[in-house]
Amino acid sequence: MTTYKIVRYYQDRTKSPRLIKSGLTLAEARAHCANPETTTRTCQSLASQEHQRHGSWFDGYRKEYGHE
C-alpha cells in the first residue's frame, strides 16, 4: 500500500521542512492539507506562534517511498 507523509514547509528557507505525520492514506493526507489550520494564511490556533518564530508556513503531503 502506498503511504504519504505530511511535511511543514517554511517561507524562511533556512528552516528545514518538518515531518508532521506519516503512514497516511492519500485521502487522509489530502484531508489534512485541506484543513484551514495547516497554513498561516488561514490558521487560527498556531499561526501567531509559528509565524513569529519561522515566518509563513504550510503543510503539504509527499509519497513515502519504501512503504509499498
N, C-alpha and C. Protein backbone atom coordinates (compact mmCIF):
# COMPACT_ATOMS: atom_id res chain seq x y z
N MET A 1 0.84 -1.18 0.00
CA MET A 1 0.00 0.00 0.00
C MET A 1 0.88 1.25 0.00
N THR A 2 0.54 2.19 -0.81
CA THR A 2 1.26 3.46 -0.86
C THR A 2 0.84 4.32 0.33
N THR A 3 1.81 4.91 1.02
CA THR A 3 1.52 5.80 2.14
C THR A 3 2.11 7.17 1.86
N TYR A 4 1.62 8.14 2.62
CA TYR A 4 2.01 9.54 2.44
C TYR A 4 2.40 10.15 3.78
N LYS A 5 3.23 11.18 3.70
CA LYS A 5 3.62 11.91 4.91
C LYS A 5 3.26 13.37 4.74
N ILE A 6 3.02 14.02 5.87
CA ILE A 6 2.74 15.45 5.90
C ILE A 6 4.02 16.16 6.31
N VAL A 7 4.40 17.16 5.55
CA VAL A 7 5.62 17.92 5.81
C VAL A 7 5.25 19.39 5.90
N ARG A 8 5.76 20.08 6.92
CA ARG A 8 5.55 21.53 7.06
C ARG A 8 6.71 22.25 6.39
N TYR A 9 6.38 23.09 5.42
CA TYR A 9 7.37 23.87 4.68
C TYR A 9 7.30 25.32 5.14
N TYR A 10 8.46 25.93 5.27
CA TYR A 10 8.56 27.30 5.77
C TYR A 10 9.02 28.26 4.68
N GLN A 11 8.50 29.48 4.74
CA GLN A 11 8.94 30.52 3.80
C GLN A 11 10.42 30.82 4.02
N ASP A 12 10.84 30.82 5.25
CA ASP A 12 12.25 31.02 5.60
C ASP A 12 13.02 29.77 5.18
N ARG A 13 13.74 29.84 4.10
CA ARG A 13 14.43 28.67 3.55
C ARG A 13 15.58 28.18 4.44
N THR A 14 15.96 28.95 5.46
CA THR A 14 16.99 28.47 6.38
C THR A 14 16.40 27.48 7.37
N LYS A 15 15.07 27.43 7.48
CA LYS A 15 14.38 26.48 8.36
C LYS A 15 14.03 25.25 7.54
N SER A 16 14.54 24.10 7.94
CA SER A 16 14.27 22.85 7.22
C SER A 16 12.81 22.45 7.36
N PRO A 17 12.26 21.81 6.32
CA PRO A 17 10.89 21.27 6.43
C PRO A 17 10.82 20.28 7.60
N ARG A 18 9.65 20.19 8.23
CA ARG A 18 9.48 19.36 9.42
C ARG A 18 8.39 18.32 9.17
N LEU A 19 8.68 17.07 9.52
CA LEU A 19 7.71 15.99 9.41
C LEU A 19 6.62 16.19 10.46
N ILE A 20 5.37 16.16 10.02
CA ILE A 20 4.23 16.33 10.92
C ILE A 20 3.57 14.98 11.20
N LYS A 21 3.29 14.20 10.16
CA LYS A 21 2.65 12.88 10.28
C LYS A 21 3.17 11.99 9.18
N SER A 22 3.09 10.68 9.38
CA SER A 22 3.49 9.74 8.33
C SER A 22 2.56 8.54 8.37
N GLY A 23 2.66 7.69 7.33
CA GLY A 23 1.85 6.48 7.27
C GLY A 23 0.40 6.71 6.92
N LEU A 24 0.11 7.80 6.24
CA LEU A 24 -1.27 8.15 5.91
C LEU A 24 -1.69 7.64 4.54
N THR A 25 -2.97 7.43 4.37
CA THR A 25 -3.50 7.16 3.04
C THR A 25 -3.54 8.47 2.27
N LEU A 26 -3.74 8.39 0.96
CA LEU A 26 -3.85 9.61 0.16
C LEU A 26 -5.04 10.45 0.63
N ALA A 27 -6.15 9.81 0.93
CA ALA A 27 -7.34 10.54 1.40
C ALA A 27 -7.06 11.26 2.72
N GLU A 28 -6.36 10.60 3.64
CA GLU A 28 -6.02 11.23 4.91
C GLU A 28 -5.08 12.41 4.72
N ALA A 29 -4.09 12.25 3.85
CA ALA A 29 -3.14 13.33 3.58
C ALA A 29 -3.84 14.53 2.95
N ARG A 30 -4.71 14.27 2.00
CA ARG A 30 -5.45 15.36 1.36
C ARG A 30 -6.37 16.05 2.35
N ALA A 31 -7.03 15.28 3.21
CA ALA A 31 -7.92 15.87 4.22
C ALA A 31 -7.13 16.76 5.18
N HIS A 32 -5.97 16.31 5.60
CA HIS A 32 -5.14 17.12 6.49
C HIS A 32 -4.79 18.45 5.83
N CYS A 33 -4.33 18.40 4.60
CA CYS A 33 -3.88 19.61 3.91
C CYS A 33 -5.04 20.54 3.53
N ALA A 34 -6.26 20.01 3.49
CA ALA A 34 -7.43 20.84 3.20
C ALA A 34 -7.93 21.59 4.43
N ASN A 35 -7.44 21.21 5.60
CA ASN A 35 -7.84 21.85 6.84
C ASN A 35 -7.27 23.27 6.90
N PRO A 36 -8.09 24.27 7.21
CA PRO A 36 -7.59 25.66 7.29
C PRO A 36 -6.49 25.87 8.31
N GLU A 37 -6.33 24.97 9.27
CA GLU A 37 -5.30 25.11 10.30
C GLU A 37 -3.90 24.71 9.81
N THR A 38 -3.76 24.33 8.54
CA THR A 38 -2.48 23.83 8.04
C THR A 38 -1.71 24.84 7.20
N THR A 39 -2.04 26.12 7.33
CA THR A 39 -1.29 27.18 6.66
C THR A 39 -1.44 28.48 7.45
N THR A 40 -0.42 29.29 7.47
CA THR A 40 -0.51 30.55 8.22
C THR A 40 -1.57 31.48 7.66
N ARG A 41 -1.90 31.34 6.40
CA ARG A 41 -2.88 32.23 5.78
C ARG A 41 -4.25 32.11 6.44
N THR A 42 -4.63 30.91 6.89
CA THR A 42 -5.96 30.69 7.44
C THR A 42 -5.97 30.10 8.85
N CYS A 43 -4.82 29.77 9.40
CA CYS A 43 -4.73 29.14 10.71
C CYS A 43 -5.13 30.13 11.81
N GLN A 44 -5.91 29.66 12.76
CA GLN A 44 -6.32 30.49 13.90
C GLN A 44 -5.59 30.10 15.18
N SER A 45 -5.21 28.84 15.34
CA SER A 45 -4.67 28.38 16.62
C SER A 45 -3.16 28.51 16.75
N LEU A 46 -2.39 28.12 15.74
CA LEU A 46 -0.93 28.13 15.84
C LEU A 46 -0.27 29.25 15.08
N ALA A 47 -1.00 29.94 14.25
CA ALA A 47 -0.40 30.86 13.30
C ALA A 47 0.51 31.90 13.95
N SER A 48 0.07 32.53 15.00
CA SER A 48 0.88 33.61 15.57
C SER A 48 2.18 33.09 16.15
N GLN A 49 2.14 31.97 16.88
CA GLN A 49 3.36 31.42 17.48
C GLN A 49 4.34 30.96 16.41
N GLU A 50 3.87 30.13 15.50
CA GLU A 50 4.73 29.56 14.46
C GLU A 50 5.22 30.66 13.51
N HIS A 51 4.36 31.60 13.17
CA HIS A 51 4.71 32.66 12.25
C HIS A 51 5.78 33.57 12.85
N GLN A 52 5.66 33.88 14.12
CA GLN A 52 6.66 34.73 14.77
C GLN A 52 8.03 34.07 14.79
N ARG A 53 8.06 32.75 14.95
CA ARG A 53 9.33 32.04 15.01
C ARG A 53 9.95 31.79 13.64
N HIS A 54 9.12 31.46 12.65
CA HIS A 54 9.67 30.97 11.38
C HIS A 54 9.10 31.64 10.13
N GLY A 55 8.23 32.61 10.27
CA GLY A 55 7.60 33.20 9.10
C GLY A 55 6.46 32.34 8.60
N SER A 56 6.01 32.59 7.40
CA SER A 56 4.88 31.86 6.84
C SER A 56 5.23 30.39 6.62
N TRP A 57 4.20 29.54 6.68
CA TRP A 57 4.39 28.11 6.50
C TRP A 57 3.11 27.49 5.94
N PHE A 58 3.25 26.28 5.43
CA PHE A 58 2.10 25.49 5.00
C PHE A 58 2.46 24.01 5.10
N ASP A 59 1.44 23.17 5.23
CA ASP A 59 1.63 21.73 5.24
C ASP A 59 1.33 21.18 3.86
N GLY A 60 2.19 20.29 3.39
CA GLY A 60 1.98 19.61 2.13
C GLY A 60 2.18 18.11 2.34
N TYR A 61 1.79 17.31 1.37
CA TYR A 61 1.99 15.88 1.51
C TYR A 61 2.90 15.35 0.41
N ARG A 62 3.60 14.28 0.75
CA ARG A 62 4.53 13.62 -0.19
C ARG A 62 4.38 12.11 -0.04
N LYS A 63 4.60 11.44 -1.12
CA LYS A 63 4.57 9.98 -1.12
C LYS A 63 5.76 9.47 -0.32
N GLU A 64 5.52 8.43 0.49
CA GLU A 64 6.60 7.79 1.23
C GLU A 64 7.11 6.63 0.41
N TYR A 65 8.36 6.65 0.08
CA TYR A 65 8.96 5.57 -0.71
C TYR A 65 9.47 4.50 0.23
N GLY A 66 9.42 3.26 -0.23
CA GLY A 66 9.87 2.15 0.57
C GLY A 66 8.79 1.56 1.45
N HIS A 67 7.56 2.08 1.35
CA HIS A 67 6.44 1.57 2.15
C HIS A 67 5.37 0.95 1.26
N GLU A 68 5.75 0.43 0.11
CA GLU A 68 4.74 -0.06 -0.83
C GLU A 68 4.61 -1.55 -0.79
